[in-house]
Amino acid sequence: MHLINSNNTRAAAERELAAARAELASLGETASPSRLERALERLQAAQDALALAA
């Protein structure tokens, strides 16, 4: 059971990381500094979650 939960957690972390990267890539030059900061924070959180799930 633990292995299944671990795999699900890792898969969710990988999906969130992909979504965070896509969000950051989609921001254009006109994105506000606060929007950019939030996207970078999301990316960092997703990377941290993936590291914990590994």
C-alpha atoms as a PDB file:
ATOM      1  CA  MET A   1       0.000   0.000   0.000  1.00  0.00           C
ATOM      2  CA  HIS A   2       2.816   2.409   0.849  1.00  0.00           C
ATOM      3  CA  LEU A   3       4.385   1.858  -2.570  1.00  0.00           C
ATOM      4  CA  ILE A   4       1.128   2.773  -4.315  1.00  0.00           C
ATOM      5  CA  ASN A   5       0.757   5.955  -2.265  1.00  0.00           C
ATOM      6  CA  SER A   6       4.403   6.779  -2.901  1.00  0.00           C
ATOM      7  CA  ASN A   7       3.942   6.315  -6.646  1.00  0.00           C
ATOM      8  CA  ASN A   8       0.777   8.432  -6.613  1.00  0.00           C
ATOM      9  CA  THR A   9       2.553  11.166  -4.654  1.00  0.00           C
ATOM     10  CA  ARG A  10       5.475  11.184  -7.068  1.00  0.00           C
ATOM     11  CA  ALA A  11       3.164  11.246 -10.085  1.00  0.00           C
ATOM     12  CA  ALA A  12       1.207  14.158  -8.603  1.00  0.00           C
ATOM     13  CA  ALA A  13       4.455  16.009  -7.878  1.00  0.00           C
ATOM     14  CA  GLU A  14       5.637  15.435 -11.448  1.00  0.00           C
ATOM     15  CA  ARG A  15       2.327  16.736 -12.837  1.00  0.00           C
ATOM     16  CA  GLU A  16       2.516  19.838 -10.650  1.00  0.00           C
ATOM     17  CA  LEU A  17       6.106  20.472 -11.740  1.00  0.00           C
ATOM     18  CA  ALA A  18       5.103  20.191 -15.402  1.00  0.00           C
ATOM     19  CA  ALA A  19       2.181  22.567 -14.839  1.00  0.00           C
ATOM     20  CA  ALA A  20       4.389  25.053 -12.994  1.00  0.00           C
ATOM     21  CA  ARG A  21       6.951  24.985 -15.799  1.00  0.00           C
ATOM     22  CA  ALA A  22       4.228  25.484 -18.404  1.00  0.00           C
ATOM     23  CA  GLU A  23       2.783  28.394 -16.442  1.00  0.00           C
ATOM     24  CA  LEU A  24       6.169  30.062 -16.193  1.00  0.00           C
ATOM     25  CA  ALA A  25       6.862  29.496 -19.898  1.00  0.00           C
ATOM     26  CA  SER A  26       3.505  31.009 -20.828  1.00  0.00           C
ATOM     27  CA  LEU A  27       4.175  34.307 -19.115  1.00  0.00           C
ATOM     28  CA  GLY A  28       5.022  37.043 -21.562  1.00  0.00           C
ATOM     29  CA  GLU A  29       7.101  40.167 -21.227  1.00  0.00           C
ATOM     30  CA  THR A  30       4.068  42.047 -19.982  1.00  0.00           C
ATOM     31  CA  ALA A  31       3.599  39.815 -16.922  1.00  0.00           C
ATOM     32  CA  SER A  32       3.680  41.784 -13.712  1.00  0.00           C
ATOM     33  CA  PRO A  33       6.563  41.232 -11.310  1.00  0.00           C
ATOM     34  CA  SER A  34       4.161  39.814  -8.725  1.00  0.00           C
ATOM     35  CA  ARG A  35       2.766  37.325 -11.268  1.00  0.00           C
ATOM     36  CA  LEU A  36       6.276  36.248 -12.186  1.00  0.00           C
ATOM     37  CA  GLU A  37       7.176  35.888  -8.517  1.00  0.00           C
ATOM     38  CA  ARG A  38       4.115  33.691  -7.867  1.00  0.00           C
ATOM     39  CA  ALA A  39       4.993  31.486 -10.832  1.00  0.00           C
ATOM     40  CA  LEU A  40       8.563  31.128  -9.603  1.00  0.00           C
ATOM     41  CA  GLU A  41       7.322  30.277  -6.109  1.00  0.00           C
ATOM     42  CA  ARG A  42       5.024  27.634  -7.575  1.00  0.00           C
ATOM     43  CA  LEU A  43       7.928  26.184  -9.528  1.00  0.00           C
ATOM     44  CA  GLN A  44      10.117  26.056  -6.425  1.00  0.00           C
ATOM     45  CA  ALA A  45       7.365  24.424  -4.381  1.00  0.00           C
ATOM     46  CA  ALA A  46       6.814  21.831  -7.097  1.00  0.00           C
ATOM     47  CA  GLN A  47      10.543  21.053  -7.246  1.00  0.00           C
ATOM     48  CA  ASP A  48      10.627  20.703  -3.458  1.00  0.00           C
ATOM     49  CA  ALA A  49       7.605  18.393  -3.485  1.00  0.00           C
ATOM     50  CA  LEU A  50       9.186  16.217  -6.153  1.00  0.00           C
ATOM     51  CA  ALA A  51      12.414  15.982  -4.162  1.00  0.00           C
ATOM     52  CA  LEU A  52      10.443  14.856  -1.098  1.00  0.00           C
ATOM     53  CA  ALA A  53       8.528  12.293  -3.153  1.00  0.00           C
ATOM     54  CA  ALA A  54      11.720  10.775  -4.577  1.00  0.00           C
END
